[in-house]
Amino acid sequence: DTVQKLGLVYLFQHSDPKAVVLSLDEFYRLQEAFEDYLDEKDAAQLATEPRGKGTPLKNLAKRYDN
């Protein structure tokens, strides 16, 4: 109940913190935030790489149009 109410609970052993129990909602929130961070990091890296010539969309549409 406490985990659901607070989102997390710290577990101690002899007054030393040993673990954290997260609610599923909090775990999913943290996981999503971390994935967003990694996406931003990847985008920043890709922004520094050369783009190349590219292919116009209309050429691709003709090539794959059935």
N, C-alpha and C. Protein backbone atom coordinates (compact mmCIF):
# COMPACT_ATOMS: atom_id res chain seq x y z
N ASP A 1 0.82 -1.20 0.00
CA ASP A 1 0.00 0.00 0.00
C ASP A 1 0.86 1.26 0.00
N THR A 2 1.95 1.23 0.78
CA THR A 2 2.83 2.40 0.85
C THR A 2 3.50 2.68 -0.49
N VAL A 3 3.92 1.61 -1.17
CA VAL A 3 4.55 1.76 -2.49
C VAL A 3 3.57 2.40 -3.46
N GLN A 4 2.32 1.96 -3.45
CA GLN A 4 1.32 2.52 -4.34
C GLN A 4 1.03 3.99 -4.00
N LYS A 5 1.04 4.30 -2.73
CA LYS A 5 0.72 5.66 -2.29
C LYS A 5 1.87 6.63 -2.59
N LEU A 6 3.11 6.21 -2.30
CA LEU A 6 4.27 7.10 -2.44
C LEU A 6 5.01 6.93 -3.77
N GLY A 7 4.81 5.80 -4.43
CA GLY A 7 5.52 5.52 -5.67
C GLY A 7 6.79 4.72 -5.46
N LEU A 8 7.34 4.79 -4.24
CA LEU A 8 8.55 4.02 -3.92
C LEU A 8 8.70 3.88 -2.42
N VAL A 9 9.49 2.89 -2.03
CA VAL A 9 9.81 2.66 -0.62
C VAL A 9 11.27 2.24 -0.55
N TYR A 10 12.02 2.84 0.37
CA TYR A 10 13.40 2.46 0.60
C TYR A 10 13.45 1.32 1.60
N LEU A 11 14.33 0.36 1.35
CA LEU A 11 14.54 -0.75 2.28
C LEU A 11 15.91 -0.59 2.93
N PHE A 12 15.95 -0.72 4.26
CA PHE A 12 17.17 -0.53 5.02
C PHE A 12 17.56 -1.81 5.73
N GLN A 13 18.87 -1.96 5.92
CA GLN A 13 19.38 -3.05 6.74
C GLN A 13 20.40 -2.44 7.69
N HIS A 14 20.11 -2.51 8.96
CA HIS A 14 20.97 -1.90 9.98
C HIS A 14 21.21 -0.42 9.67
N SER A 15 20.15 0.29 9.37
CA SER A 15 20.15 1.72 9.09
C SER A 15 20.87 2.11 7.79
N ASP A 16 21.30 1.13 7.00
CA ASP A 16 21.93 1.42 5.72
C ASP A 16 20.93 1.14 4.59
N PRO A 17 20.75 2.08 3.67
CA PRO A 17 19.85 1.83 2.55
C PRO A 17 20.40 0.71 1.67
N LYS A 18 19.55 -0.25 1.34
CA LYS A 18 19.99 -1.42 0.57
C LYS A 18 19.23 -1.58 -0.74
N ALA A 19 17.98 -1.10 -0.81
CA ALA A 19 17.19 -1.30 -2.01
C ALA A 19 16.04 -0.30 -2.05
N VAL A 20 15.45 -0.21 -3.25
CA VAL A 20 14.28 0.63 -3.44
C VAL A 20 13.23 -0.21 -4.15
N VAL A 21 12.01 -0.17 -3.66
CA VAL A 21 10.88 -0.85 -4.31
C VAL A 21 10.04 0.23 -4.97
N LEU A 22 9.86 0.11 -6.29
CA LEU A 22 9.08 1.08 -7.04
C LEU A 22 7.72 0.52 -7.40
N SER A 23 6.73 1.38 -7.46
CA SER A 23 5.44 0.97 -8.01
C SER A 23 5.64 0.78 -9.51
N LEU A 24 4.77 0.02 -10.14
CA LEU A 24 4.87 -0.17 -11.59
C LEU A 24 4.72 1.14 -12.33
N ASP A 25 3.83 1.99 -11.87
CA ASP A 25 3.65 3.29 -12.52
C ASP A 25 4.93 4.11 -12.48
N GLU A 26 5.59 4.14 -11.34
CA GLU A 26 6.84 4.89 -11.19
C GLU A 26 7.94 4.25 -12.04
N PHE A 27 8.01 2.93 -12.07
CA PHE A 27 9.00 2.24 -12.89
C PHE A 27 8.80 2.59 -14.36
N TYR A 28 7.57 2.54 -14.85
CA TYR A 28 7.29 2.86 -16.25
C TYR A 28 7.62 4.32 -16.55
N ARG A 29 7.33 5.21 -15.61
CA ARG A 29 7.65 6.63 -15.80
C ARG A 29 9.16 6.83 -15.93
N LEU A 30 9.91 6.20 -15.05
CA LEU A 30 11.37 6.31 -15.11
C LEU A 30 11.93 5.68 -16.38
N GLN A 31 11.38 4.53 -16.75
CA GLN A 31 11.83 3.85 -17.97
C GLN A 31 11.57 4.73 -19.20
N GLU A 32 10.41 5.34 -19.28
CA GLU A 32 10.07 6.21 -20.40
C GLU A 32 10.98 7.44 -20.44
N ALA A 33 11.26 8.02 -19.28
CA ALA A 33 12.15 9.18 -19.21
C ALA A 33 13.55 8.81 -19.67
N PHE A 34 14.02 7.64 -19.29
CA PHE A 34 15.35 7.19 -19.70
C PHE A 34 15.40 6.94 -21.21
N GLU A 35 14.35 6.33 -21.76
CA GLU A 35 14.29 6.11 -23.20
C GLU A 35 14.26 7.44 -23.95
N ASP A 36 13.53 8.43 -23.44
CA ASP A 36 13.51 9.76 -24.05
C ASP A 36 14.91 10.38 -24.03
N TYR A 37 15.61 10.23 -22.91
CA TYR A 37 16.97 10.74 -22.80
C TYR A 37 17.88 10.09 -23.84
N LEU A 38 17.79 8.77 -23.99
CA LEU A 38 18.62 8.07 -24.97
C LEU A 38 18.27 8.50 -26.39
N ASP A 39 16.99 8.69 -26.67
CA ASP A 39 16.57 9.16 -28.00
C ASP A 39 17.16 10.54 -28.30
N GLU A 40 17.13 11.43 -27.31
CA GLU A 40 17.69 12.77 -27.50
C GLU A 40 19.19 12.70 -27.72
N LYS A 41 19.85 11.82 -27.00
CA LYS A 41 21.30 11.64 -27.16
C LYS A 41 21.62 11.12 -28.56
N ASP A 42 20.85 10.14 -29.03
CA ASP A 42 21.04 9.61 -30.39
C ASP A 42 20.78 10.68 -31.44
N ALA A 43 19.74 11.48 -31.26
CA ALA A 43 19.40 12.54 -32.21
C ALA A 43 20.51 13.58 -32.27
N ALA A 44 21.08 13.92 -31.13
CA ALA A 44 22.18 14.89 -31.11
C ALA A 44 23.39 14.35 -31.87
N GLN A 45 23.66 13.06 -31.70
CA GLN A 45 24.78 12.43 -32.41
C GLN A 45 24.51 12.41 -33.91
N LEU A 46 23.31 12.03 -34.30
CA LEU A 46 22.96 11.98 -35.72
C LEU A 46 23.00 13.36 -36.37
N ALA A 47 22.68 14.39 -35.62
CA ALA A 47 22.68 15.75 -36.16
C ALA A 47 24.08 16.20 -36.57
N THR A 48 25.11 15.59 -36.01
CA THR A 48 26.48 15.97 -36.33
C THR A 48 27.05 15.18 -37.51
N GLU A 49 26.34 14.15 -37.96
CA GLU A 49 26.83 13.32 -39.06
C GLU A 49 26.39 13.89 -40.40
N PRO A 50 27.23 13.71 -41.44
CA PRO A 50 26.84 14.20 -42.77
C PRO A 50 25.60 13.47 -43.28
N ARG A 51 24.74 14.20 -43.99
CA ARG A 51 23.47 13.64 -44.45
C ARG A 51 23.58 12.88 -45.76
N GLY A 52 24.47 13.26 -46.62
CA GLY A 52 24.55 12.61 -47.92
C GLY A 52 23.60 13.25 -48.91
N LYS A 53 23.48 12.62 -50.07
CA LYS A 53 22.70 13.19 -51.16
C LYS A 53 21.20 13.06 -50.95
N GLY A 54 20.74 11.91 -50.55
CA GLY A 54 19.31 11.70 -50.34
C GLY A 54 18.58 11.36 -51.64
N THR A 55 17.33 10.95 -51.52
CA THR A 55 16.48 10.60 -52.66
C THR A 55 15.14 11.31 -52.48
N PRO A 56 14.68 12.03 -53.51
CA PRO A 56 13.38 12.70 -53.39
C PRO A 56 12.25 11.69 -53.16
N LEU A 57 11.27 12.10 -52.37
CA LEU A 57 10.15 11.24 -52.02
C LEU A 57 9.40 10.76 -53.25
N LYS A 58 9.22 11.64 -54.25
CA LYS A 58 8.47 11.23 -55.45
C LYS A 58 9.19 10.10 -56.19
N ASN A 59 10.52 10.08 -56.16
CA ASN A 59 11.27 8.98 -56.79
C ASN A 59 11.04 7.67 -56.04
N LEU A 60 11.03 7.75 -54.73
CA LEU A 60 10.76 6.54 -53.93
C LEU A 60 9.34 6.05 -54.16
N ALA A 61 8.40 6.97 -54.24
CA ALA A 61 6.99 6.58 -54.47
C ALA A 61 6.86 5.85 -55.80
N LYS A 62 7.52 6.34 -56.85
CA LYS A 62 7.46 5.68 -58.15
C LYS A 62 8.08 4.30 -58.07
N ARG A 63 9.18 4.19 -57.37
CA ARG A 63 9.92 2.92 -57.27
C ARG A 63 9.11 1.84 -56.56
N TYR A 64 8.38 2.21 -55.51
CA TYR A 64 7.68 1.22 -54.70
C TYR A 64 6.17 1.20 -54.92
N ASP A 65 5.65 2.02 -55.85
CA ASP A 65 4.23 2.05 -56.13
C ASP A 65 3.83 0.76 -56.84
N ASN A 66 2.79 0.12 -56.39
CA ASN A 66 2.33 -1.14 -57.01
C ASN A 66 1.10 -0.90 -57.78
